[in-house]
Structures are given as structure tokens and as C-alpha cells.
Amino acid sequence: MIGSVTPEEVLSHTQATTEFLCSLSANIFDIRFGSFRLRDMDSNTILLDLERDFEPQTEESRFISYNFPPEFLNLRTVGSLIYFSVGEYPVSNFRMIERHYFKDRLVQNYDFTIDFMIPRTINSREFIYTLPELTEEQKEDIMLSPREMKSDSFFFADGQLIMHVRAEYDYSG
């Protein structure tokens, strides 16, 4: 684990991390993620709908393995609706930087900001992801390489890293 990690630093990463860059205790705002819905923005088809309570993050919940059908690689725009709660303190400049890598090569970077969140509230936000255009050869390589697509999601409040989630993806069907 590293000391103070900045947004500029994570934006310079050229490959997925292999360890978490902050401790669970860094989440001093007690932000908790709840239900989550993923949809194809073009057809409005729900791709994933996960109902869950606002549980505190654990070491196990910070690493996620996703399984998606190969057709997912053909999508152009995806909406990710996330429900989250905020603890006792207001949150300013909540920034999520999400970086996706395939075989240690950056594929896509996403950067979202919420200016302010009121304490002791439950919130929802849909983040819109424009997916990269992939060649047929790239799609084939991704399908034949389960878990080689990885992502890091870094969550900052006023420039301070407070949460880090790692994920891996399998598009083999």
C-alpha cells in the first residue's frame, strides 16, 4: 500500500495495479455502495441488475470478477446506475477514475466527478461509458483471454484517495 496517491498519479499508470493503493480505513466519509444496474444505452436492455444493501466495504468486496457474454464487446454505450450512501460528513469533489487494461495495455480511461454529496443521504448516479471500438481481432483476443481484461476504480474526495476497487473480466461466455 502506498501513502498519499493523487489523481495525476493514477492517470499515469500504464497497467493494472496488483495491490490496493489505500486501506479500507481511508474511506473516512463512510461511502457505501448498494444496488447496481448496468444497461445498454442504445437498446435500453438491462445487462446486470444487482440488488444489495449498503454494507461497509471489505477486503473481499474490493476485488470483483465479472462474467459477460462475448456480445458485450459489441456494445457502444453503457449506463452504470449506482446507489450509494454517505456517512456523517459532507463529501466535496468526489471523483471516480476508472482505468481498463487488456494484457497490461490501457484500453480506456473514464473520469467522473460529483461536486458535492450531503451527509447521511442515499444517492444514485448513472455514469455513462462510451466503450472503445475494437477490431474483430481484438475482440477475439479478449474472448480467448479470460481475466486478462482488468480495471482499477479509484475514488477521491478533494484529491485524497479514499477507495480503490480492482476488477477482472471474462468475456468468453
N, C-alpha and C. Protein backbone atom coordinates (compact mmCIF):
# COMPACT_ATOMS: atom_id res chain seq x y z
N MET A 1 0.84 -1.17 0.00
CA MET A 1 0.00 0.00 0.00
C MET A 1 0.89 1.24 0.00
N ILE A 2 0.48 2.25 -0.74
CA ILE A 2 1.27 3.46 -0.91
C ILE A 2 0.65 4.56 -0.05
N GLY A 3 1.45 5.55 0.33
CA GLY A 3 0.96 6.68 1.13
C GLY A 3 -0.10 7.49 0.42
N SER A 4 0.18 8.74 0.13
CA SER A 4 -0.79 9.63 -0.49
C SER A 4 -0.74 9.48 -2.01
N VAL A 5 -1.82 8.98 -2.58
CA VAL A 5 -1.91 8.74 -4.01
C VAL A 5 -2.78 9.84 -4.62
N THR A 6 -2.30 10.46 -5.70
CA THR A 6 -3.02 11.57 -6.32
C THR A 6 -3.73 11.12 -7.60
N PRO A 7 -4.73 11.90 -8.04
CA PRO A 7 -5.37 11.59 -9.33
C PRO A 7 -4.36 11.58 -10.47
N GLU A 8 -3.42 12.51 -10.46
CA GLU A 8 -2.42 12.57 -11.52
C GLU A 8 -1.58 11.29 -11.57
N GLU A 9 -1.29 10.77 -10.40
CA GLU A 9 -0.51 9.54 -10.32
C GLU A 9 -1.26 8.36 -10.94
N VAL A 10 -2.53 8.19 -10.60
CA VAL A 10 -3.25 7.03 -11.15
C VAL A 10 -3.50 7.21 -12.64
N LEU A 11 -3.60 8.46 -13.09
CA LEU A 11 -3.76 8.69 -14.52
C LEU A 11 -2.49 8.37 -15.31
N SER A 12 -1.38 8.25 -14.62
CA SER A 12 -0.12 7.91 -15.30
C SER A 12 0.14 6.40 -15.34
N HIS A 13 -0.69 5.61 -14.66
CA HIS A 13 -0.47 4.16 -14.65
C HIS A 13 -0.58 3.59 -16.06
N THR A 14 0.32 2.68 -16.38
CA THR A 14 0.31 2.05 -17.70
C THR A 14 -0.17 0.60 -17.66
N GLN A 15 -0.46 0.11 -16.45
CA GLN A 15 -1.01 -1.24 -16.31
C GLN A 15 -1.82 -1.31 -15.02
N ALA A 16 -2.64 -2.34 -14.93
CA ALA A 16 -3.49 -2.52 -13.75
C ALA A 16 -2.63 -2.74 -12.51
N THR A 17 -3.14 -2.30 -11.39
CA THR A 17 -2.42 -2.50 -10.13
C THR A 17 -2.53 -3.96 -9.70
N THR A 18 -1.60 -4.37 -8.86
CA THR A 18 -1.62 -5.73 -8.32
C THR A 18 -1.91 -5.72 -6.83
N GLU A 19 -2.03 -4.51 -6.25
CA GLU A 19 -2.39 -4.37 -4.84
C GLU A 19 -3.25 -3.12 -4.69
N PHE A 20 -3.89 -3.01 -3.56
CA PHE A 20 -4.74 -1.85 -3.29
C PHE A 20 -3.88 -0.68 -2.85
N LEU A 21 -4.20 0.51 -3.35
CA LEU A 21 -3.38 1.68 -3.09
C LEU A 21 -3.86 2.51 -1.89
N CYS A 22 -4.87 2.03 -1.19
CA CYS A 22 -5.28 2.66 0.07
C CYS A 22 -5.92 1.59 0.95
N SER A 23 -5.96 1.86 2.22
CA SER A 23 -6.56 0.91 3.15
C SER A 23 -8.07 1.15 3.21
N LEU A 24 -8.78 0.20 3.76
CA LEU A 24 -10.23 0.37 3.96
C LEU A 24 -10.52 1.57 4.86
N SER A 25 -9.62 1.85 5.80
CA SER A 25 -9.84 2.96 6.73
C SER A 25 -9.70 4.33 6.07
N ALA A 26 -9.23 4.39 4.84
CA ALA A 26 -9.13 5.67 4.12
C ALA A 26 -10.50 6.25 3.80
N ASN A 27 -11.53 5.42 3.82
CA ASN A 27 -12.90 5.85 3.50
C ASN A 27 -13.52 6.55 4.73
N ILE A 28 -12.98 7.72 5.06
CA ILE A 28 -13.42 8.45 6.25
C ILE A 28 -14.83 9.01 6.09
N PHE A 29 -15.37 9.00 4.87
CA PHE A 29 -16.72 9.51 4.63
C PHE A 29 -17.77 8.41 4.72
N ASP A 30 -17.30 7.19 4.96
CA ASP A 30 -18.18 6.03 5.08
C ASP A 30 -19.12 5.90 3.88
N ILE A 31 -18.55 6.06 2.70
CA ILE A 31 -19.33 5.86 1.46
C ILE A 31 -19.50 4.37 1.27
N ARG A 32 -20.74 3.97 1.06
CA ARG A 32 -21.06 2.55 0.87
C ARG A 32 -21.86 2.39 -0.41
N PHE A 33 -21.47 1.42 -1.21
CA PHE A 33 -22.18 1.15 -2.45
C PHE A 33 -23.26 0.12 -2.22
N GLY A 34 -24.40 0.33 -2.86
CA GLY A 34 -25.53 -0.58 -2.75
C GLY A 34 -25.84 -1.20 -4.09
N SER A 35 -27.08 -1.15 -4.48
CA SER A 35 -27.53 -1.77 -5.73
C SER A 35 -26.82 -1.16 -6.93
N PHE A 36 -26.80 -1.95 -7.99
CA PHE A 36 -26.03 -1.59 -9.18
C PHE A 36 -26.76 -2.13 -10.40
N ARG A 37 -26.92 -1.30 -11.42
CA ARG A 37 -27.58 -1.74 -12.65
C ARG A 37 -26.73 -1.30 -13.84
N LEU A 38 -26.56 -2.21 -14.77
CA LEU A 38 -25.81 -1.94 -15.99
C LEU A 38 -26.75 -2.15 -17.17
N ARG A 39 -26.79 -1.15 -18.07
CA ARG A 39 -27.69 -1.28 -19.22
C ARG A 39 -27.04 -0.80 -20.51
N ASP A 40 -27.47 -1.40 -21.59
CA ASP A 40 -27.08 -0.97 -22.93
C ASP A 40 -27.89 0.29 -23.23
N MET A 41 -27.22 1.40 -23.44
CA MET A 41 -27.91 2.68 -23.65
C MET A 41 -28.64 2.72 -24.98
N ASP A 42 -28.17 1.98 -25.98
CA ASP A 42 -28.81 2.03 -27.30
C ASP A 42 -30.14 1.28 -27.32
N SER A 43 -30.20 0.12 -26.67
CA SER A 43 -31.43 -0.67 -26.69
C SER A 43 -32.21 -0.57 -25.37
N ASN A 44 -31.60 0.03 -24.36
CA ASN A 44 -32.16 0.13 -23.02
C ASN A 44 -32.34 -1.25 -22.36
N THR A 45 -31.57 -2.22 -22.82
CA THR A 45 -31.60 -3.57 -22.26
C THR A 45 -30.78 -3.63 -20.97
N ILE A 46 -31.36 -4.20 -19.93
CA ILE A 46 -30.64 -4.38 -18.67
C ILE A 46 -29.68 -5.55 -18.82
N LEU A 47 -28.41 -5.31 -18.57
CA LEU A 47 -27.38 -6.33 -18.72
C LEU A 47 -27.04 -6.99 -17.39
N LEU A 48 -27.17 -6.23 -16.31
CA LEU A 48 -26.86 -6.72 -14.98
C LEU A 48 -27.67 -5.90 -13.99
N ASP A 49 -28.32 -6.56 -13.07
CA ASP A 49 -29.12 -5.87 -12.06
C ASP A 49 -28.84 -6.54 -10.72
N LEU A 50 -28.02 -5.91 -9.92
CA LEU A 50 -27.58 -6.47 -8.65
C LEU A 50 -28.21 -5.69 -7.50
N GLU A 51 -29.07 -6.34 -6.75
CA GLU A 51 -29.69 -5.74 -5.56
C GLU A 51 -28.85 -6.09 -4.36
N ARG A 52 -28.43 -5.08 -3.60
CA ARG A 52 -27.67 -5.36 -2.38
C ARG A 52 -27.80 -4.19 -1.40
N ASP A 53 -27.54 -4.50 -0.14
CA ASP A 53 -27.61 -3.49 0.92
C ASP A 53 -26.34 -2.64 0.92
N PHE A 54 -26.38 -1.57 1.66
CA PHE A 54 -25.26 -0.65 1.78
C PHE A 54 -24.30 -1.16 2.86
N GLU A 55 -23.61 -2.22 2.56
CA GLU A 55 -22.69 -2.83 3.51
C GLU A 55 -21.35 -2.10 3.45
N PRO A 56 -20.64 -2.06 4.58
CA PRO A 56 -19.29 -1.49 4.54
C PRO A 56 -18.40 -2.33 3.63
N GLN A 57 -17.45 -1.67 2.99
CA GLN A 57 -16.54 -2.38 2.11
C GLN A 57 -15.63 -3.29 2.93
N THR A 58 -15.34 -4.45 2.37
CA THR A 58 -14.43 -5.42 2.99
C THR A 58 -13.30 -5.71 2.01
N GLU A 59 -12.28 -6.39 2.50
CA GLU A 59 -11.18 -6.78 1.60
C GLU A 59 -11.72 -7.60 0.43
N GLU A 60 -12.68 -8.51 0.71
CA GLU A 60 -13.23 -9.36 -0.34
C GLU A 60 -14.05 -8.57 -1.35
N SER A 61 -14.77 -7.57 -0.90
CA SER A 61 -15.64 -6.82 -1.83
C SER A 61 -14.88 -5.81 -2.67
N ARG A 62 -13.60 -5.60 -2.38
CA ARG A 62 -12.80 -4.65 -3.16
C ARG A 62 -12.26 -5.26 -4.45
N PHE A 63 -12.43 -6.57 -4.63
CA PHE A 63 -11.99 -7.22 -5.85
C PHE A 63 -13.18 -7.95 -6.46
N ILE A 64 -13.52 -7.61 -7.70
CA ILE A 64 -14.72 -8.13 -8.34
C ILE A 64 -14.33 -8.89 -9.61
N SER A 65 -14.95 -10.05 -9.83
CA SER A 65 -14.80 -10.80 -11.08
C SER A 65 -16.12 -10.75 -11.83
N TYR A 66 -16.08 -10.21 -13.02
CA TYR A 66 -17.27 -10.11 -13.86
C TYR A 66 -17.21 -11.15 -14.96
N ASN A 67 -18.36 -11.72 -15.29
CA ASN A 67 -18.51 -12.62 -16.43
C ASN A 67 -19.56 -12.02 -17.36
N PHE A 68 -19.16 -11.69 -18.57
CA PHE A 68 -20.07 -11.12 -19.55
C PHE A 68 -20.04 -11.97 -20.82
N PRO A 69 -21.14 -12.01 -21.55
CA PRO A 69 -21.13 -12.75 -22.82
C PRO A 69 -20.26 -12.01 -23.85
N PRO A 70 -19.76 -12.72 -24.85
CA PRO A 70 -18.92 -12.09 -25.88
C PRO A 70 -19.61 -10.91 -26.58
N GLU A 71 -20.93 -10.95 -26.67
CA GLU A 71 -21.67 -9.88 -27.34
C GLU A 71 -21.49 -8.53 -26.65
N PHE A 72 -21.13 -8.55 -25.40
CA PHE A 72 -20.89 -7.31 -24.66
C PHE A 72 -19.84 -6.45 -25.36
N LEU A 73 -18.88 -7.09 -26.01
CA LEU A 73 -17.79 -6.37 -26.69
C LEU A 73 -18.28 -5.59 -27.90
N ASN A 74 -19.52 -5.83 -28.35
CA ASN A 74 -20.08 -5.10 -29.48
C ASN A 74 -20.85 -3.85 -29.05
N LEU A 75 -21.07 -3.68 -27.77
CA LEU A 75 -21.85 -2.53 -27.29
C LEU A 75 -21.08 -1.23 -27.49
N ARG A 76 -21.81 -0.15 -27.67
CA ARG A 76 -21.18 1.16 -27.89
C ARG A 76 -21.23 2.04 -26.65
N THR A 77 -22.37 2.05 -25.96
CA THR A 77 -22.53 2.91 -24.79
C THR A 77 -23.28 2.15 -23.70
N VAL A 78 -22.74 2.22 -22.49
CA VAL A 78 -23.32 1.51 -21.35
C VAL A 78 -23.57 2.51 -20.24
N GLY A 79 -24.72 2.37 -19.58
CA GLY A 79 -25.03 3.18 -18.41
C GLY A 79 -24.88 2.33 -17.17
N SER A 80 -24.19 2.86 -16.18
CA SER A 80 -23.97 2.17 -14.92
C SER A 80 -24.65 2.99 -13.82
N LEU A 81 -25.80 2.49 -13.35
CA LEU A 81 -26.55 3.17 -12.29
C LEU A 81 -26.12 2.59 -10.96
N ILE A 82 -25.58 3.45 -10.09
CA ILE A 82 -25.05 3.01 -8.81
C ILE A 82 -25.77 3.75 -7.69
N TYR A 83 -26.16 3.00 -6.67
CA TYR A 83 -26.74 3.59 -5.46
C TYR A 83 -25.67 3.56 -4.37
N PHE A 84 -25.54 4.65 -3.65
CA PHE A 84 -24.54 4.71 -2.59
C PHE A 84 -25.02 5.62 -1.47
N SER A 85 -24.50 5.33 -0.29
CA SER A 85 -24.84 6.14 0.88
C SER A 85 -23.60 6.91 1.33
N VAL A 86 -23.86 8.02 2.02
CA VAL A 86 -22.80 8.87 2.55
C VAL A 86 -22.96 8.90 4.06
N GLY A 87 -21.86 8.84 4.78
CA GLY A 87 -21.87 8.83 6.24
C GLY A 87 -22.10 10.21 6.85
N GLU A 88 -21.45 10.48 7.94
CA GLU A 88 -21.69 11.67 8.76
C GLU A 88 -21.13 12.96 8.21
N TYR A 89 -20.23 12.88 7.26
CA TYR A 89 -19.56 14.09 6.77
C TYR A 89 -19.91 14.38 5.32
N PRO A 90 -20.02 15.66 4.95
CA PRO A 90 -20.25 16.00 3.54
C PRO A 90 -19.03 15.63 2.70
N VAL A 91 -19.26 15.34 1.44
CA VAL A 91 -18.19 14.95 0.52
C VAL A 91 -18.13 15.98 -0.60
N SER A 92 -16.97 16.57 -0.77
CA SER A 92 -16.77 17.53 -1.86
C SER A 92 -15.85 16.93 -2.91
N ASN A 93 -16.15 17.26 -4.15
CA ASN A 93 -15.32 16.84 -5.28
C ASN A 93 -15.04 15.34 -5.27
N PHE A 94 -16.11 14.56 -5.24
CA PHE A 94 -16.00 13.10 -5.30
C PHE A 94 -15.68 12.74 -6.74
N ARG A 95 -14.54 12.14 -6.94
CA ARG A 95 -14.06 11.84 -8.30
C ARG A 95 -13.77 10.37 -8.43
N MET A 96 -14.30 9.77 -9.49
CA MET A 96 -14.03 8.37 -9.78
C MET A 96 -13.23 8.31 -11.08
N ILE A 97 -12.05 7.73 -10.98
CA ILE A 97 -11.22 7.48 -12.16
C ILE A 97 -11.18 5.98 -12.34
N GLU A 98 -11.66 5.54 -13.49
CA GLU A 98 -11.71 4.10 -13.78
C GLU A 98 -10.87 3.84 -15.02
N ARG A 99 -9.90 2.95 -14.87
CA ARG A 99 -8.99 2.64 -15.97
C ARG A 99 -9.07 1.15 -16.31
N HIS A 100 -9.26 0.86 -17.60
CA HIS A 100 -9.38 -0.52 -18.08
C HIS A 100 -8.16 -0.89 -18.91
N TYR A 101 -7.64 -2.07 -18.64
CA TYR A 101 -6.43 -2.56 -19.30
C TYR A 101 -6.68 -3.95 -19.88
N PHE A 102 -6.03 -4.22 -20.99
CA PHE A 102 -6.02 -5.58 -21.53
C PHE A 102 -4.57 -5.97 -21.75
N LYS A 103 -4.17 -7.05 -21.10
CA LYS A 103 -2.79 -7.53 -21.18
C LYS A 103 -1.81 -6.38 -20.91
N ASP A 104 -2.08 -5.66 -19.84
CA ASP A 104 -1.22 -4.56 -19.39
C ASP A 104 -1.08 -3.43 -20.40
N ARG A 105 -2.12 -3.20 -21.17
CA ARG A 105 -2.17 -2.06 -22.09
C ARG A 105 -3.45 -1.29 -21.81
N LEU A 106 -3.35 0.01 -21.62
CA LEU A 106 -4.53 0.82 -21.34
C LEU A 106 -5.47 0.78 -22.54
N VAL A 107 -6.73 0.41 -22.28
CA VAL A 107 -7.75 0.35 -23.32
C VAL A 107 -8.64 1.58 -23.25
N GLN A 108 -9.02 1.98 -22.02
CA GLN A 108 -9.95 3.10 -21.88
C GLN A 108 -9.80 3.71 -20.49
N ASN A 109 -9.99 5.01 -20.41
CA ASN A 109 -9.97 5.75 -19.15
C ASN A 109 -11.31 6.48 -19.02
N TYR A 110 -11.90 6.41 -17.83
CA TYR A 110 -13.13 7.13 -17.54
C TYR A 110 -12.88 7.99 -16.32
N ASP A 111 -13.47 9.19 -16.30
CA ASP A 111 -13.22 10.13 -15.22
C ASP A 111 -14.52 10.88 -14.95
N PHE A 112 -15.11 10.64 -13.77
CA PHE A 112 -16.40 11.23 -13.41
C PHE A 112 -16.26 11.99 -12.09
N THR A 113 -17.01 13.10 -11.96
CA THR A 113 -16.98 13.88 -10.73
C THR A 113 -18.39 14.22 -10.27
N ILE A 114 -18.59 14.14 -8.96
CA ILE A 114 -19.81 14.64 -8.32
C ILE A 114 -19.34 15.77 -7.41
N ASP A 115 -19.83 16.98 -7.63
CA ASP A 115 -19.33 18.14 -6.91
C ASP A 115 -19.53 18.08 -5.41
N PHE A 116 -20.70 17.63 -4.97
CA PHE A 116 -21.00 17.65 -3.54
C PHE A 116 -22.02 16.59 -3.20
N MET A 117 -21.80 15.95 -2.05
CA MET A 117 -22.78 14.97 -1.55
C MET A 117 -23.10 15.31 -0.10
N ILE A 118 -24.38 15.36 0.20
CA ILE A 118 -24.87 15.72 1.52
C ILE A 118 -24.66 14.55 2.48
N PRO A 119 -24.26 14.84 3.73
CA PRO A 119 -24.08 13.75 4.69
C PRO A 119 -25.40 13.06 5.02
N ARG A 120 -25.28 11.78 5.41
CA ARG A 120 -26.42 10.96 5.83
C ARG A 120 -27.51 10.90 4.75
N THR A 121 -27.08 10.69 3.51
CA THR A 121 -28.03 10.58 2.40
C THR A 121 -27.77 9.30 1.61
N ILE A 122 -28.80 8.88 0.89
CA ILE A 122 -28.67 7.81 -0.09
C ILE A 122 -28.81 8.47 -1.45
N ASN A 123 -27.90 8.17 -2.33
CA ASN A 123 -27.82 8.82 -3.63
C ASN A 123 -27.79 7.78 -4.75
N SER A 124 -28.11 8.24 -5.94
CA SER A 124 -27.92 7.39 -7.11
C SER A 124 -27.31 8.26 -8.20
N ARG A 125 -26.56 7.61 -9.05
CA ARG A 125 -25.94 8.32 -10.16
C ARG A 125 -25.72 7.32 -11.28
N GLU A 126 -26.09 7.74 -12.49
CA GLU A 126 -25.80 6.88 -13.64
C GLU A 126 -24.59 7.46 -14.37
N PHE A 127 -23.57 6.65 -14.46
CA PHE A 127 -22.36 7.02 -15.18
C PHE A 127 -22.47 6.42 -16.58
N ILE A 128 -22.18 7.23 -17.59
CA ILE A 128 -22.30 6.80 -18.98
C ILE A 128 -20.89 6.50 -19.52
N TYR A 129 -20.74 5.28 -20.01
CA TYR A 129 -19.46 4.81 -20.54
C TYR A 129 -19.56 4.65 -22.06
N THR A 130 -18.74 5.38 -22.79
CA THR A 130 -18.60 5.15 -24.22
C THR A 130 -17.50 4.10 -24.35
N LEU A 131 -17.87 2.95 -24.89
CA LEU A 131 -16.92 1.84 -24.97
C LEU A 131 -16.00 1.99 -26.17
N PRO A 132 -14.78 1.48 -26.04
CA PRO A 132 -13.84 1.62 -27.16
C PRO A 132 -14.25 0.76 -28.35
N GLU A 133 -13.95 1.26 -29.53
CA GLU A 133 -14.19 0.45 -30.73
C GLU A 133 -13.05 -0.54 -30.86
N LEU A 134 -13.42 -1.81 -30.94
CA LEU A 134 -12.43 -2.87 -31.03
C LEU A 134 -12.52 -3.54 -32.39
N THR A 135 -11.38 -3.95 -32.90
CA THR A 135 -11.38 -4.72 -34.15
C THR A 135 -11.85 -6.14 -33.83
N GLU A 136 -12.22 -6.88 -34.84
CA GLU A 136 -12.62 -8.27 -34.64
C GLU A 136 -11.48 -9.08 -34.04
N GLU A 137 -10.26 -8.79 -34.45
CA GLU A 137 -9.11 -9.49 -33.89
C GLU A 137 -8.94 -9.20 -32.41
N GLN A 138 -9.13 -7.95 -32.01
CA GLN A 138 -9.03 -7.58 -30.60
C GLN A 138 -10.13 -8.27 -29.78
N LYS A 139 -11.35 -8.29 -30.31
CA LYS A 139 -12.46 -8.96 -29.61
C LYS A 139 -12.14 -10.44 -29.42
N GLU A 140 -11.64 -11.06 -30.46
CA GLU A 140 -11.29 -12.49 -30.39
C GLU A 140 -10.22 -12.73 -29.32
N ASP A 141 -9.21 -11.88 -29.31
CA ASP A 141 -8.14 -12.00 -28.33
C ASP A 141 -8.69 -11.85 -26.90
N ILE A 142 -9.58 -10.89 -26.69
CA ILE A 142 -10.19 -10.69 -25.37
C ILE A 142 -11.03 -11.91 -24.96
N MET A 143 -11.82 -12.45 -25.90
CA MET A 143 -12.64 -13.62 -25.60
C MET A 143 -11.78 -14.85 -25.27
N LEU A 144 -10.63 -14.96 -25.92
CA LEU A 144 -9.75 -16.10 -25.69
C LEU A 144 -8.79 -15.89 -24.52
N SER A 145 -8.91 -14.76 -23.86
CA SER A 145 -8.00 -14.42 -22.75
C SER A 145 -8.79 -14.03 -21.50
N PRO A 146 -9.55 -14.97 -20.93
CA PRO A 146 -10.34 -14.63 -19.75
C PRO A 146 -9.46 -14.07 -18.63
N ARG A 147 -9.99 -13.06 -17.97
CA ARG A 147 -9.35 -12.41 -16.81
C ARG A 147 -8.13 -11.57 -17.16
N GLU A 148 -7.82 -11.43 -18.46
CA GLU A 148 -6.72 -10.54 -18.87
C GLU A 148 -7.20 -9.11 -19.03
N MET A 149 -8.52 -8.90 -19.09
CA MET A 149 -9.08 -7.55 -19.05
C MET A 149 -9.25 -7.23 -17.58
N LYS A 150 -8.66 -6.11 -17.15
CA LYS A 150 -8.68 -5.72 -15.74
C LYS A 150 -9.02 -4.24 -15.64
N SER A 151 -9.50 -3.85 -14.47
CA SER A 151 -9.73 -2.42 -14.25
C SER A 151 -9.39 -2.04 -12.82
N ASP A 152 -9.08 -0.77 -12.67
CA ASP A 152 -8.90 -0.14 -11.36
C ASP A 152 -9.88 1.01 -11.29
N SER A 153 -10.63 1.08 -10.20
CA SER A 153 -11.51 2.21 -9.95
C SER A 153 -11.00 2.92 -8.70
N PHE A 154 -10.61 4.17 -8.88
CA PHE A 154 -10.06 4.98 -7.80
C PHE A 154 -11.09 6.04 -7.44
N PHE A 155 -11.37 6.18 -6.16
CA PHE A 155 -12.35 7.16 -5.68
C PHE A 155 -11.63 8.17 -4.80
N PHE A 156 -11.78 9.44 -5.16
CA PHE A 156 -11.12 10.53 -4.45
C PHE A 156 -12.16 11.49 -3.87
N ALA A 157 -11.83 12.12 -2.77
CA ALA A 157 -12.62 13.23 -2.21
C ALA A 157 -11.63 14.36 -1.98
N ASP A 158 -11.89 15.49 -2.62
CA ASP A 158 -10.96 16.63 -2.55
C ASP A 158 -9.51 16.22 -2.83
N GLY A 159 -9.32 15.36 -3.83
CA GLY A 159 -7.98 14.95 -4.25
C GLY A 159 -7.33 13.87 -3.40
N GLN A 160 -8.02 13.40 -2.36
CA GLN A 160 -7.48 12.36 -1.46
C GLN A 160 -8.08 11.01 -1.84
N LEU A 161 -7.24 10.00 -2.09
CA LEU A 161 -7.73 8.66 -2.41
C LEU A 161 -8.40 8.07 -1.18
N ILE A 162 -9.69 7.72 -1.32
CA ILE A 162 -10.43 7.17 -0.18
C ILE A 162 -10.90 5.73 -0.42
N MET A 163 -10.94 5.31 -1.68
CA MET A 163 -11.37 3.94 -2.00
C MET A 163 -10.68 3.49 -3.29
N HIS A 164 -10.42 2.19 -3.36
CA HIS A 164 -9.83 1.60 -4.56
C HIS A 164 -10.47 0.23 -4.75
N VAL A 165 -11.01 -0.01 -5.94
CA VAL A 165 -11.64 -1.29 -6.29
C VAL A 165 -10.94 -1.82 -7.53
N ARG A 166 -10.59 -3.10 -7.49
CA ARG A 166 -9.98 -3.75 -8.64
C ARG A 166 -10.97 -4.77 -9.21
N ALA A 167 -10.90 -4.99 -10.53
CA ALA A 167 -11.81 -5.96 -11.15
C ALA A 167 -11.09 -6.67 -12.29
N GLU A 168 -11.64 -7.84 -12.62
CA GLU A 168 -11.19 -8.58 -13.80
C GLU A 168 -12.44 -9.06 -14.54
N TYR A 169 -12.27 -9.30 -15.84
CA TYR A 169 -13.42 -9.57 -16.69
C TYR A 169 -13.18 -10.82 -17.53
N ASP A 170 -14.27 -11.55 -17.75
CA ASP A 170 -14.25 -12.73 -18.61
C ASP A 170 -15.37 -12.56 -19.64
N TYR A 171 -14.99 -12.47 -20.90
CA TYR A 171 -15.97 -12.31 -22.00
C TYR A 171 -16.06 -13.58 -22.84
N SER A 172 -15.63 -14.71 -22.30
CA SER A 172 -15.60 -15.94 -23.08
C SER A 172 -16.96 -16.60 -23.22
N GLY A 173 -17.91 -16.16 -22.37
CA GLY A 173 -19.25 -16.74 -22.45
C GLY A 173 -19.29 -18.05 -21.74
